[in-house]
Amino acid sequence: MNLTYNLILCFILLCATVGMFLYRRWLENHGDHYIHLHNDSHDATVVTTQAAMCKKCETVDKIKNALLAATILYAVIIAGYASYIAWNKAGM
C-alpha cells in the first residue's frame, strides 16, 4: 500500500473540508442579519428566504462536520499505518 495515494486523498478531503467552511461563511455573510418586519406583502418573502437559507446552512454544517471527522480519522489512520511501517523497517 502506497502512502502517497493516501496522503493525496487526505489532502483532497482537507480541501473539501476547508471549502465547506468557506462556503458556510459565504452563505452566512450574504444573508440579511437584520429583518425589519412591517406587516406587508414583502415580509412573507423575506421570512421564506431566510428560512430556506437557514435550512441550507444547517445542511452545510452537517456535511462540514462529517467531512471534518472523516478527515481527522483518515489522517490518524495514515499516521498509524506510517508508524507501523517504520516500526517494521527498524526491525523491532
N, C-alpha and C. Protein backbone atom coordinates (compact mmCIF):
# COMPACT_ATOMS: atom_id res chain seq x y z
N MET A 1 0.85 -1.18 0.00
CA MET A 1 0.00 0.00 0.00
C MET A 1 0.89 1.24 0.00
N ASN A 2 0.62 2.14 -0.90
CA ASN A 2 1.45 3.32 -1.07
C ASN A 2 0.89 4.48 -0.25
N LEU A 3 1.74 5.10 0.54
CA LEU A 3 1.29 6.21 1.38
C LEU A 3 1.02 7.47 0.58
N THR A 4 1.64 7.60 -0.58
CA THR A 4 1.46 8.81 -1.38
C THR A 4 0.00 8.98 -1.79
N TYR A 5 -0.62 7.91 -2.26
CA TYR A 5 -2.02 7.99 -2.67
C TYR A 5 -2.93 8.31 -1.49
N ASN A 6 -2.62 7.74 -0.35
CA ASN A 6 -3.41 8.02 0.84
C ASN A 6 -3.25 9.47 1.29
N LEU A 7 -2.04 10.00 1.20
CA LEU A 7 -1.82 11.40 1.57
C LEU A 7 -2.51 12.34 0.60
N ILE A 8 -2.51 11.99 -0.69
CA ILE A 8 -3.22 12.81 -1.67
C ILE A 8 -4.72 12.80 -1.39
N LEU A 9 -5.26 11.63 -1.08
CA LEU A 9 -6.69 11.54 -0.75
C LEU A 9 -7.02 12.31 0.52
N CYS A 10 -6.13 12.26 1.49
CA CYS A 10 -6.34 13.01 2.73
C CYS A 10 -6.29 14.51 2.45
N PHE A 11 -5.40 14.94 1.56
CA PHE A 11 -5.32 16.35 1.19
C PHE A 11 -6.58 16.79 0.46
N ILE A 12 -7.13 15.93 -0.39
CA ILE A 12 -8.38 16.25 -1.09
C ILE A 12 -9.52 16.39 -0.09
N LEU A 13 -9.58 15.49 0.89
CA LEU A 13 -10.59 15.60 1.95
C LEU A 13 -10.42 16.90 2.74
N LEU A 14 -9.17 17.26 3.01
CA LEU A 14 -8.90 18.50 3.73
C LEU A 14 -9.35 19.71 2.92
N CYS A 15 -9.08 19.70 1.61
CA CYS A 15 -9.51 20.81 0.75
C CYS A 15 -11.03 20.90 0.69
N ALA A 16 -11.71 19.75 0.64
CA ALA A 16 -13.18 19.76 0.64
C ALA A 16 -13.72 20.31 1.95
N THR A 17 -13.07 19.97 3.06
CA THR A 17 -13.50 20.47 4.36
C THR A 17 -13.31 21.98 4.45
N VAL A 18 -12.17 22.47 4.00
CA VAL A 18 -11.93 23.92 4.01
C VAL A 18 -12.91 24.62 3.08
N GLY A 19 -13.20 24.00 1.94
CA GLY A 19 -14.18 24.56 1.02
C GLY A 19 -15.56 24.67 1.64
N MET A 20 -15.95 23.67 2.43
CA MET A 20 -17.25 23.73 3.10
C MET A 20 -17.26 24.82 4.17
N PHE A 21 -16.15 25.00 4.89
CA PHE A 21 -16.06 26.09 5.87
C PHE A 21 -16.22 27.44 5.18
N LEU A 22 -15.54 27.61 4.03
CA LEU A 22 -15.62 28.87 3.30
C LEU A 22 -17.01 29.09 2.71
N TYR A 23 -17.64 28.02 2.21
CA TYR A 23 -18.99 28.13 1.66
C TYR A 23 -19.98 28.51 2.74
N ARG A 24 -19.83 27.94 3.92
CA ARG A 24 -20.71 28.27 5.04
C ARG A 24 -20.54 29.74 5.42
N ARG A 25 -19.30 30.22 5.44
CA ARG A 25 -19.03 31.62 5.76
C ARG A 25 -19.64 32.53 4.70
N TRP A 26 -19.55 32.12 3.43
CA TRP A 26 -20.11 32.91 2.34
C TRP A 26 -21.63 32.97 2.46
N LEU A 27 -22.27 31.83 2.77
CA LEU A 27 -23.72 31.82 2.95
C LEU A 27 -24.12 32.74 4.10
N GLU A 28 -23.37 32.67 5.17
CA GLU A 28 -23.68 33.48 6.35
C GLU A 28 -23.54 34.97 6.07
N ASN A 29 -22.55 35.34 5.29
CA ASN A 29 -22.31 36.76 5.01
C ASN A 29 -23.28 37.34 3.99
N HIS A 30 -23.90 36.51 3.18
CA HIS A 30 -24.83 37.01 2.17
C HIS A 30 -26.29 36.99 2.63
N GLY A 31 -26.49 36.73 3.89
CA GLY A 31 -27.85 36.75 4.42
C GLY A 31 -28.19 38.11 5.02
N ASP A 32 -29.46 38.32 5.25
CA ASP A 32 -29.92 39.56 5.88
C ASP A 32 -29.91 39.34 7.38
N HIS A 33 -28.98 39.97 8.06
CA HIS A 33 -28.85 39.77 9.51
C HIS A 33 -29.90 40.56 10.29
N TYR A 34 -30.46 41.55 9.67
CA TYR A 34 -31.46 42.38 10.34
C TYR A 34 -32.75 42.34 9.53
N ILE A 35 -33.74 41.67 10.06
CA ILE A 35 -35.03 41.61 9.39
C ILE A 35 -35.95 42.62 10.06
N HIS A 36 -36.42 43.55 9.27
CA HIS A 36 -37.35 44.56 9.76
C HIS A 36 -38.72 44.26 9.17
N LEU A 37 -39.62 43.76 9.99
CA LEU A 37 -40.94 43.39 9.51
C LEU A 37 -41.91 44.55 9.70
N HIS A 38 -42.68 44.82 8.65
CA HIS A 38 -43.62 45.94 8.69
C HIS A 38 -45.04 45.51 8.34
N ASN A 39 -45.32 44.21 8.43
CA ASN A 39 -46.65 43.66 8.14
C ASN A 39 -47.14 44.01 6.73
N ASP A 40 -46.28 43.81 5.77
CA ASP A 40 -46.72 43.98 4.38
C ASP A 40 -46.43 42.70 3.60
N SER A 41 -46.70 42.72 2.30
CA SER A 41 -46.55 41.51 1.50
C SER A 41 -45.08 41.11 1.32
N HIS A 42 -44.20 42.05 1.45
CA HIS A 42 -42.77 41.76 1.30
C HIS A 42 -42.24 40.91 2.46
N ASP A 43 -42.87 41.00 3.62
CA ASP A 43 -42.41 40.27 4.80
C ASP A 43 -42.45 38.76 4.60
N ALA A 44 -43.47 38.28 3.93
CA ALA A 44 -43.60 36.83 3.72
C ALA A 44 -42.44 36.30 2.88
N THR A 45 -42.04 37.03 1.86
CA THR A 45 -40.93 36.57 1.03
C THR A 45 -39.61 36.64 1.79
N VAL A 46 -39.44 37.65 2.63
CA VAL A 46 -38.22 37.76 3.43
C VAL A 46 -38.12 36.60 4.41
N VAL A 47 -39.22 36.27 5.06
CA VAL A 47 -39.23 35.19 6.03
C VAL A 47 -38.97 33.85 5.35
N THR A 48 -39.59 33.60 4.19
CA THR A 48 -39.36 32.33 3.50
C THR A 48 -37.93 32.24 2.98
N THR A 49 -37.38 33.34 2.52
CA THR A 49 -35.99 33.34 2.05
C THR A 49 -35.03 33.04 3.19
N GLN A 50 -35.26 33.67 4.33
CA GLN A 50 -34.41 33.43 5.49
C GLN A 50 -34.55 32.00 6.01
N ALA A 51 -35.76 31.46 5.99
CA ALA A 51 -35.96 30.08 6.43
C ALA A 51 -35.24 29.10 5.51
N ALA A 52 -35.30 29.35 4.21
CA ALA A 52 -34.61 28.48 3.26
C ALA A 52 -33.09 28.57 3.44
N MET A 53 -32.60 29.78 3.70
CA MET A 53 -31.17 29.94 3.89
C MET A 53 -30.71 29.26 5.19
N CYS A 54 -31.51 29.34 6.23
CA CYS A 54 -31.16 28.66 7.49
C CYS A 54 -31.13 27.15 7.31
N LYS A 55 -32.07 26.63 6.53
CA LYS A 55 -32.09 25.19 6.25
C LYS A 55 -30.83 24.79 5.48
N LYS A 56 -30.44 25.61 4.50
CA LYS A 56 -29.23 25.33 3.73
C LYS A 56 -27.99 25.39 4.62
N CYS A 57 -27.95 26.36 5.53
CA CYS A 57 -26.81 26.48 6.45
C CYS A 57 -26.72 25.27 7.38
N GLU A 58 -27.86 24.78 7.85
CA GLU A 58 -27.86 23.60 8.71
C GLU A 58 -27.36 22.37 7.96
N THR A 59 -27.76 22.23 6.70
CA THR A 59 -27.30 21.10 5.89
C THR A 59 -25.79 21.19 5.65
N VAL A 60 -25.31 22.38 5.33
CA VAL A 60 -23.88 22.58 5.12
C VAL A 60 -23.11 22.30 6.40
N ASP A 61 -23.65 22.68 7.55
CA ASP A 61 -22.99 22.39 8.82
C ASP A 61 -22.86 20.89 9.07
N LYS A 62 -23.92 20.14 8.76
CA LYS A 62 -23.86 18.68 8.94
C LYS A 62 -22.80 18.06 8.04
N ILE A 63 -22.76 18.48 6.79
CA ILE A 63 -21.77 17.95 5.85
C ILE A 63 -20.37 18.35 6.27
N LYS A 64 -20.23 19.60 6.71
CA LYS A 64 -18.93 20.12 7.14
C LYS A 64 -18.40 19.33 8.34
N ASN A 65 -19.25 19.06 9.30
CA ASN A 65 -18.82 18.31 10.48
C ASN A 65 -18.47 16.87 10.14
N ALA A 66 -19.24 16.26 9.24
CA ALA A 66 -18.93 14.89 8.82
C ALA A 66 -17.60 14.84 8.06
N LEU A 67 -17.37 15.81 7.19
CA LEU A 67 -16.10 15.86 6.46
C LEU A 67 -14.92 16.08 7.40
N LEU A 68 -15.10 16.93 8.39
CA LEU A 68 -14.03 17.19 9.35
C LEU A 68 -13.70 15.92 10.14
N ALA A 69 -14.72 15.21 10.59
CA ALA A 69 -14.49 13.97 11.33
C ALA A 69 -13.81 12.92 10.44
N ALA A 70 -14.25 12.81 9.19
CA ALA A 70 -13.65 11.84 8.27
C ALA A 70 -12.20 12.19 7.97
N THR A 71 -11.91 13.46 7.82
CA THR A 71 -10.54 13.89 7.53
C THR A 71 -9.61 13.59 8.70
N ILE A 72 -10.06 13.90 9.90
CA ILE A 72 -9.23 13.64 11.09
C ILE A 72 -9.02 12.15 11.27
N LEU A 73 -10.08 11.36 11.13
CA LEU A 73 -9.97 9.91 11.28
C LEU A 73 -9.03 9.32 10.24
N TYR A 74 -9.16 9.76 9.00
CA TYR A 74 -8.30 9.24 7.94
C TYR A 74 -6.84 9.62 8.17
N ALA A 75 -6.59 10.85 8.64
CA ALA A 75 -5.22 11.27 8.92
C ALA A 75 -4.61 10.46 10.07
N VAL A 76 -5.41 10.15 11.08
CA VAL A 76 -4.92 9.33 12.19
C VAL A 76 -4.61 7.92 11.72
N ILE A 77 -5.44 7.37 10.84
CA ILE A 77 -5.20 6.03 10.30
C ILE A 77 -3.91 6.03 9.47
N ILE A 78 -3.71 7.05 8.65
CA ILE A 78 -2.48 7.14 7.85
C ILE A 78 -1.26 7.24 8.76
N ALA A 79 -1.35 8.05 9.81
CA ALA A 79 -0.23 8.19 10.74
C ALA A 79 0.07 6.87 11.44
N GLY A 80 -0.97 6.15 11.82
CA GLY A 80 -0.77 4.85 12.45
C GLY A 80 -0.13 3.85 11.50
N TYR A 81 -0.57 3.86 10.26
CA TYR A 81 0.00 2.96 9.27
C TYR A 81 1.46 3.30 8.98
N ALA A 82 1.77 4.60 8.89
CA ALA A 82 3.16 5.01 8.67
C ALA A 82 4.04 4.62 9.86
N SER A 83 3.51 4.73 11.06
CA SER A 83 4.26 4.31 12.26
C SER A 83 4.50 2.81 12.24
N TYR A 84 3.51 2.06 11.82
CA TYR A 84 3.63 0.60 11.73
C TYR A 84 4.71 0.21 10.71
N ILE A 85 4.72 0.89 9.56
CA ILE A 85 5.73 0.61 8.54
C ILE A 85 7.13 0.95 9.08
N ALA A 86 7.26 2.10 9.73
CA ALA A 86 8.56 2.50 10.29
C ALA A 86 9.01 1.53 11.37
N TRP A 87 8.10 1.05 12.17
CA TRP A 87 8.42 0.10 13.24
C TRP A 87 8.95 -1.21 12.65
N ASN A 88 8.29 -1.69 11.60
CA ASN A 88 8.71 -2.95 10.99
C ASN A 88 10.02 -2.81 10.21
N LYS A 89 10.27 -1.65 9.61
CA LYS A 89 11.53 -1.45 8.89
C LYS A 89 12.71 -1.35 9.84
N ALA A 90 12.45 -0.87 11.05
CA ALA A 90 13.53 -0.75 12.03
C ALA A 90 13.90 -2.11 12.61
N GLY A 91 13.06 -3.11 12.39
CA GLY A 91 13.35 -4.45 12.86
C GLY A 91 13.08 -4.65 14.33
N MET A 92 12.18 -3.88 14.88
CA MET A 92 11.88 -4.01 16.31
C MET A 92 10.84 -5.05 16.56
